[in-house]
Amino acid sequence: MSAIGLLVAFGGGIFGAAIGALPAFAFVGFLTMFGVAIQLAVAPEATTFFSIPFDAFGPQAGGFASGVAAAAYAACKGKLDSGRNIVTAGMGLNSPDVLLVGGAFGIIGYVVVWLVGMVPNFGPGLAWTDYPGLGVVISAFIARFAWGTCGFCGKAPEGERFFHPTDATKWLAFQSDVGQLVVIGIGVGLFGGWLGVTYGTPGALLAFGIAAASLLLLTLGVLTPVTHHIALPAAIVGVASGSIIWAAIAGLICAFVGELFARVFLCRGDTHIDPPACTIAAMTTVFNFLTWIGFWAFLPIPI
């Protein structure tokens, strides 16, 4: 925690709100890939670069959460069509107060992650959760209770079952069917796991970066799958277990966990609670705990 850090978080939050949450997150992906390229090709010890995509412009501050909060505020004030709209650039609303909300939530995200980091980890190199992911979740709930009207989970309209939303209210209608989730979960899990097994921790970061950067296509209207909540945990499992089969299993689980979080917190809500961030925070805790207790050594898979 530092005064410079708070000021940078405020500035990053303004910028994140100005360009929109999802575009800002895609830039986090590109920055992560640049960092991995530097680390692998030029300077393996150059990890300070990652303070850009995970601190100054991290998802919990300027990279995503600030845009989510700004959208919730703008919708509450009638300046945006929906608090779930995380694509529209806040700058285009011609409303400085929306950008200032983004700056304020940049600071909130910075402080939240600082507090989360005080919780003891499982062990050296084994964080008890994914700090930026949990920061995004906490920040989003603060914004929901500040400007949303749906409460914690929202409610289904009369005549509809809560866990069976219509295509209009689903998180990603093209990525919600069982078959789609199975295939994308296994496919991305295998790829992310291979990166983790082959390149270690830089490979896990690269898996996240590729998946996050691909969301730039989604902002352009291409029906691109959202997969960073699959790729990152799968790569983490690949690093820990040395097995891309375990990684594929992890990816499959995370695909369904992401859809579950979407149906619990997002589909019936009027602000954005990010299913991938929920999944990454929860499943990083689970998989790091399994690593801590030696699960992968107890049930090894050679491939």
Protein backbone atom coordinates (compact mmCIF):
# COMPACT_ATOMS: atom_id res chain seq x y z
CA MET A 1 0.00 0.00 0.00
CA SER A 2 1.44 3.36 -1.03
CA ALA A 3 0.28 6.82 -2.03
CA ILE A 4 1.67 6.27 -5.53
CA GLY A 5 -0.20 2.99 -5.76
CA LEU A 6 -3.47 4.67 -4.81
CA LEU A 7 -2.97 7.44 -7.34
CA VAL A 8 -2.09 4.98 -10.11
CA ALA A 9 -5.14 2.87 -9.24
CA PHE A 10 -7.32 5.99 -9.47
CA GLY A 11 -5.89 6.90 -12.86
CA GLY A 12 -6.14 3.34 -14.13
CA GLY A 13 -9.74 3.18 -12.93
CA ILE A 14 -10.62 6.30 -14.89
CA PHE A 15 -9.00 4.87 -17.99
CA GLY A 16 -10.71 1.50 -17.55
CA ALA A 17 -14.09 3.18 -17.23
CA ALA A 18 -13.33 5.42 -20.21
CA ILE A 19 -12.68 2.54 -22.62
CA GLY A 20 -15.15 0.08 -21.10
CA ALA A 21 -14.70 -2.94 -18.85
CA LEU A 22 -14.39 -5.67 -21.47
CA PRO A 23 -12.02 -3.78 -23.81
CA ALA A 24 -9.89 -2.90 -20.78
CA PHE A 25 -9.74 -6.54 -19.76
CA ALA A 26 -8.68 -7.56 -23.26
CA PHE A 27 -5.74 -5.16 -22.91
CA VAL A 28 -4.81 -6.94 -19.68
CA GLY A 29 -4.54 -10.08 -21.78
CA PHE A 30 -2.24 -8.43 -24.32
CA LEU A 31 -0.07 -6.96 -21.57
CA THR A 32 0.21 -10.38 -19.96
CA MET A 33 1.34 -11.95 -23.22
CA PHE A 34 3.94 -9.22 -23.66
CA GLY A 35 5.22 -9.89 -20.16
CA VAL A 36 5.51 -13.62 -20.76
CA ALA A 37 7.35 -12.98 -24.04
CA ILE A 38 9.83 -10.76 -22.22
CA GLN A 39 10.23 -13.30 -19.45
CA LEU A 40 10.77 -16.31 -21.71
CA ALA A 41 12.81 -14.72 -24.49
CA VAL A 42 14.81 -11.95 -22.88
CA ALA A 43 14.89 -11.81 -19.11
CA PRO A 44 13.46 -14.65 -17.00
CA GLU A 45 13.84 -12.52 -13.88
CA ALA A 46 11.89 -9.58 -15.35
CA THR A 47 8.73 -10.25 -13.35
CA THR A 48 8.25 -6.59 -12.40
CA PHE A 49 6.56 -6.07 -15.77
CA PHE A 50 3.56 -7.98 -14.45
CA SER A 51 2.84 -5.14 -12.04
CA ILE A 52 1.23 -3.47 -15.06
CA PRO A 53 -1.43 -6.06 -16.00
CA PHE A 54 -2.00 -7.31 -12.45
CA ASP A 55 -1.50 -4.18 -10.30
CA ALA A 56 -1.62 -0.77 -11.97
CA PHE A 57 -4.04 -1.89 -14.68
CA GLY A 58 -5.10 -5.12 -13.02
CA PRO A 59 -8.61 -6.56 -13.48
CA GLN A 60 -9.46 -5.67 -9.89
CA ALA A 61 -8.68 -1.99 -10.46
CA GLY A 62 -8.18 -0.21 -13.76
CA GLY A 63 -8.41 -3.21 -16.04
CA PHE A 64 -12.00 -4.36 -15.53
CA ALA A 65 -13.69 -3.78 -12.17
CA SER A 66 -13.72 0.00 -12.58
CA GLY A 67 -15.56 -0.36 -15.87
CA VAL A 68 -18.09 -2.71 -14.27
CA ALA A 69 -18.77 -0.22 -11.48
CA ALA A 70 -18.98 2.70 -13.88
CA ALA A 71 -21.56 0.81 -15.96
CA ALA A 72 -23.65 0.07 -12.88
CA TYR A 73 -23.55 3.73 -11.87
CA ALA A 74 -24.31 4.99 -15.37
CA ALA A 75 -27.32 2.68 -15.70
CA CYS A 76 -28.64 3.80 -12.32
CA LYS A 77 -28.44 7.41 -13.50
CA GLY A 78 -30.15 6.62 -16.81
CA LYS A 79 -27.01 7.24 -18.85
CA LEU A 80 -26.57 3.63 -20.04
CA ASP A 81 -29.06 1.04 -21.23
CA SER A 82 -28.06 -1.62 -18.68
CA GLY A 83 -25.79 -2.09 -15.71
CA ARG A 84 -24.71 -5.34 -17.33
CA ASN A 85 -23.33 -3.48 -20.35
CA ILE A 86 -19.58 -3.91 -19.95
CA VAL A 87 -18.69 -3.18 -23.57
CA THR A 88 -19.72 0.46 -24.02
CA ALA A 89 -16.90 2.96 -23.44
CA GLY A 90 -17.74 5.32 -20.61
CA MET A 91 -16.01 8.20 -22.34
CA GLY A 92 -18.70 8.17 -25.01
CA LEU A 93 -21.36 8.98 -22.43
CA ASN A 94 -19.89 12.49 -22.08
CA SER A 95 -20.31 12.32 -18.32
CA PRO A 96 -17.20 12.89 -16.16
CA ASP A 97 -18.92 11.55 -13.06
CA VAL A 98 -19.04 8.09 -14.67
CA LEU A 99 -15.27 8.21 -15.15
CA LEU A 100 -14.74 9.40 -11.58
CA VAL A 101 -16.71 6.41 -10.32
CA GLY A 102 -14.29 4.25 -12.29
CA GLY A 103 -11.37 6.01 -10.60
CA ALA A 104 -12.91 5.51 -7.17
CA PHE A 105 -13.35 1.80 -7.83
CA GLY A 106 -9.79 1.57 -9.04
CA ILE A 107 -8.82 2.61 -5.51
CA ILE A 108 -11.36 0.22 -3.99
CA GLY A 109 -9.95 -2.68 -5.99
CA TYR A 110 -6.42 -1.77 -4.96
CA VAL A 111 -7.36 -1.69 -1.28
CA VAL A 112 -9.39 -4.91 -1.48
CA VAL A 113 -6.49 -6.85 -2.97
CA TRP A 114 -4.14 -5.37 -0.37
CA LEU A 115 -6.46 -6.65 2.37
CA VAL A 116 -6.95 -10.04 0.72
CA GLY A 117 -3.19 -10.40 0.52
CA MET A 118 -2.98 -10.33 4.32
CA VAL A 119 -4.68 -13.73 4.57
CA PRO A 120 -2.03 -16.45 5.05
CA ASN A 121 -1.30 -18.55 1.96
CA PHE A 122 -1.16 -22.34 1.83
CA GLY A 123 2.59 -22.19 1.48
CA PRO A 124 5.43 -20.64 -0.55
CA GLY A 125 4.17 -20.05 -4.07
CA LEU A 126 0.66 -21.28 -3.18
CA ALA A 127 -1.70 -18.35 -2.75
CA TRP A 128 -4.93 -19.14 -0.93
CA THR A 129 -6.88 -17.61 -3.84
CA ASP A 130 -6.40 -15.55 -6.97
CA TYR A 131 -6.14 -12.02 -5.59
CA PRO A 132 -7.21 -10.05 -8.69
CA GLY A 133 -10.10 -12.45 -9.33
CA LEU A 134 -11.45 -12.12 -5.81
CA GLY A 135 -10.93 -8.36 -6.00
CA VAL A 136 -13.12 -8.22 -9.12
CA VAL A 137 -15.86 -10.19 -7.35
CA ILE A 138 -15.87 -8.07 -4.20
CA SER A 139 -15.78 -4.82 -6.19
CA ALA A 140 -18.70 -5.98 -8.35
CA PHE A 141 -20.85 -6.75 -5.32
CA ILE A 142 -20.06 -3.34 -3.84
CA ALA A 143 -21.26 -1.76 -7.09
CA ARG A 144 -24.38 -3.95 -7.16
CA PHE A 145 -25.45 -2.97 -3.66
CA ALA A 146 -24.62 0.66 -4.37
CA TRP A 147 -26.57 1.06 -7.64
CA GLY A 148 -28.37 -2.16 -8.49
CA THR A 149 -31.92 -3.04 -7.51
CA CYS A 150 -31.84 -6.83 -7.82
CA GLY A 151 -30.24 -7.72 -4.50
CA PHE A 152 -27.65 -10.45 -4.07
CA CYS A 153 -28.79 -12.86 -6.78
CA GLY A 154 -31.85 -11.32 -8.36
CA LYS A 155 -35.22 -12.99 -8.85
CA ALA A 156 -36.79 -14.87 -11.74
CA PRO A 157 -39.92 -13.35 -13.30
CA GLU A 158 -43.15 -15.06 -12.46
CA GLY A 159 -43.53 -18.26 -14.43
CA GLU A 160 -39.77 -18.79 -14.93
CA ARG A 161 -37.48 -21.09 -12.98
CA PHE A 162 -34.49 -19.33 -11.48
CA PHE A 163 -31.83 -21.58 -13.01
CA HIS A 164 -33.46 -21.65 -16.44
CA PRO A 165 -33.05 -18.13 -17.87
CA THR A 166 -34.10 -17.21 -21.38
CA ASP A 167 -31.51 -16.61 -24.08
CA ALA A 168 -32.08 -12.88 -23.63
CA THR A 169 -30.91 -12.97 -20.01
CA LYS A 170 -28.22 -15.65 -20.21
CA TRP A 171 -24.59 -14.72 -19.76
CA LEU A 172 -23.52 -16.22 -23.12
CA ALA A 173 -26.39 -17.99 -24.87
CA PHE A 174 -24.00 -19.59 -27.37
CA GLN A 175 -21.83 -20.99 -24.55
CA SER A 176 -24.43 -22.24 -22.10
CA ASP A 177 -25.50 -25.64 -23.44
CA VAL A 178 -23.97 -28.77 -21.93
CA GLY A 179 -22.35 -29.89 -25.18
CA GLN A 180 -20.71 -26.53 -25.75
CA LEU A 181 -19.41 -26.42 -22.19
CA VAL A 182 -17.99 -29.93 -22.37
CA VAL A 183 -16.12 -29.35 -25.62
CA ILE A 184 -14.74 -25.90 -24.81
CA GLY A 185 -13.84 -26.97 -21.26
CA ILE A 186 -11.82 -29.98 -22.41
CA GLY A 187 -10.28 -28.20 -25.41
CA VAL A 188 -9.11 -25.10 -23.57
CA GLY A 189 -8.13 -27.24 -20.58
CA LEU A 190 -5.83 -29.35 -22.74
CA PHE A 191 -4.26 -26.31 -24.38
CA GLY A 192 -3.86 -24.36 -21.13
CA GLY A 193 -2.54 -27.46 -19.38
CA TRP A 194 0.06 -27.98 -22.10
CA LEU A 195 1.28 -24.42 -21.69
CA GLY A 196 1.52 -24.94 -17.93
CA VAL A 197 3.32 -28.28 -18.21
CA THR A 198 5.72 -26.99 -20.87
CA TYR A 199 6.56 -23.52 -19.57
CA GLY A 200 5.65 -23.61 -15.89
CA THR A 201 4.23 -20.48 -14.28
CA PRO A 202 4.96 -18.29 -17.35
CA GLY A 203 2.92 -20.81 -19.34
CA ALA A 204 0.00 -20.42 -16.96
CA LEU A 205 0.17 -16.66 -17.38
CA LEU A 206 0.35 -17.09 -21.15
CA ALA A 207 -2.78 -19.27 -21.12
CA PHE A 208 -4.60 -16.53 -19.24
CA GLY A 209 -3.24 -13.82 -21.53
CA ILE A 210 -4.29 -15.55 -24.74
CA ALA A 211 -7.80 -16.23 -23.44
CA ALA A 212 -8.22 -12.70 -22.10
CA ALA A 213 -6.88 -11.02 -25.24
CA SER A 214 -9.29 -13.03 -27.40
CA LEU A 215 -12.16 -11.13 -25.79
CA LEU A 216 -11.28 -8.13 -27.92
CA LEU A 217 -13.07 -10.03 -30.69
CA LEU A 218 -16.16 -10.31 -28.49
CA THR A 219 -16.28 -6.52 -28.18
CA LEU A 220 -16.38 -6.40 -31.99
CA GLY A 221 -19.43 -8.63 -32.14
CA VAL A 222 -17.71 -11.94 -32.93
CA LEU A 223 -19.25 -14.73 -30.82
CA THR A 224 -15.95 -15.57 -29.18
CA PRO A 225 -15.99 -17.98 -26.22
CA VAL A 226 -15.04 -16.60 -22.81
CA THR A 227 -12.37 -18.98 -21.57
CA HIS A 228 -9.88 -17.32 -19.23
CA HIS A 229 -11.65 -18.95 -16.26
CA ILE A 230 -10.95 -22.29 -17.95
CA ALA A 231 -7.45 -21.65 -19.27
CA LEU A 232 -5.86 -20.23 -16.12
CA PRO A 233 -7.01 -22.85 -13.56
CA ALA A 234 -6.27 -25.63 -16.06
CA ALA A 235 -2.76 -24.27 -16.59
CA ILE A 236 -2.28 -24.01 -12.82
CA VAL A 237 -3.23 -27.66 -12.52
CA GLY A 238 -0.88 -28.49 -15.38
CA VAL A 239 1.99 -26.81 -13.55
CA ALA A 240 1.18 -28.55 -10.27
CA SER A 241 0.40 -32.04 -11.58
CA GLY A 242 2.57 -32.23 -14.70
CA SER A 243 -0.42 -33.73 -16.50
CA ILE A 244 -2.50 -32.25 -19.30
CA ILE A 245 -5.18 -34.85 -18.57
CA TRP A 246 -5.66 -33.44 -15.08
CA ALA A 247 -5.64 -29.99 -16.68
CA ALA A 248 -8.40 -31.04 -19.10
CA ILE A 249 -10.48 -32.33 -16.19
CA ALA A 250 -9.91 -29.04 -14.39
CA GLY A 251 -10.92 -27.11 -17.51
CA LEU A 252 -14.11 -29.16 -17.84
CA ILE A 253 -15.03 -28.50 -14.22
CA CYS A 254 -14.32 -24.78 -14.53
CA ALA A 255 -16.47 -24.45 -17.65
CA PHE A 256 -19.48 -25.69 -15.70
CA VAL A 257 -18.60 -23.75 -12.56
CA GLY A 258 -18.49 -20.56 -14.62
CA GLU A 259 -21.96 -21.22 -16.02
CA LEU A 260 -23.22 -21.99 -12.51
CA PHE A 261 -21.93 -18.67 -11.18
CA ALA A 262 -23.53 -16.94 -14.16
CA ARG A 263 -26.93 -18.42 -13.35
CA VAL A 264 -26.63 -17.66 -9.65
CA PHE A 265 -25.37 -14.07 -9.76
CA LEU A 266 -25.64 -12.64 -13.28
CA CYS A 267 -28.58 -13.90 -15.31
CA ARG A 268 -31.18 -12.48 -12.93
CA GLY A 269 -29.18 -9.40 -11.98
CA ASP A 270 -29.15 -5.83 -13.24
CA THR A 271 -25.43 -5.25 -12.73
CA HIS A 272 -22.46 -7.36 -13.80
CA ILE A 273 -21.08 -9.97 -11.42
CA ASP A 274 -18.31 -11.62 -13.41
CA PRO A 275 -18.67 -15.44 -13.68
CA PRO A 276 -15.03 -15.96 -14.78
CA ALA A 277 -13.69 -13.95 -11.84
CA CYS A 278 -15.89 -15.94 -9.44
CA THR A 279 -14.65 -19.18 -11.00
CA ILE A 280 -10.98 -18.22 -10.96
CA ALA A 281 -11.14 -17.10 -7.32
CA ALA A 282 -12.99 -20.23 -6.19
CA MET A 283 -11.16 -22.84 -8.25
CA THR A 284 -7.68 -21.39 -7.63
CA THR A 285 -8.40 -21.90 -3.95
CA VAL A 286 -9.51 -25.49 -4.57
CA PHE A 287 -6.64 -26.44 -6.87
CA ASN A 288 -3.94 -24.77 -4.77
CA PHE A 289 -5.32 -26.54 -1.71
CA LEU A 290 -5.11 -29.87 -3.55
CA THR A 291 -1.51 -29.05 -4.43
CA TRP A 292 -0.77 -28.21 -0.81
CA ILE A 293 -2.06 -31.57 0.46
CA GLY A 294 -0.22 -33.51 -2.25
CA PHE A 295 -3.28 -34.64 -4.19
CA TRP A 296 -1.56 -34.76 -7.59
CA ALA A 297 1.22 -36.98 -6.25
CA PHE A 298 -1.35 -39.26 -4.63
CA LEU A 299 -3.31 -39.68 -7.88
CA PRO A 300 -0.75 -39.10 -10.67
CA ILE A 301 -1.66 -39.26 -14.36
CA PRO A 302 1.45 -39.71 -16.52
CA ILE A 303 0.27 -37.73 -19.54
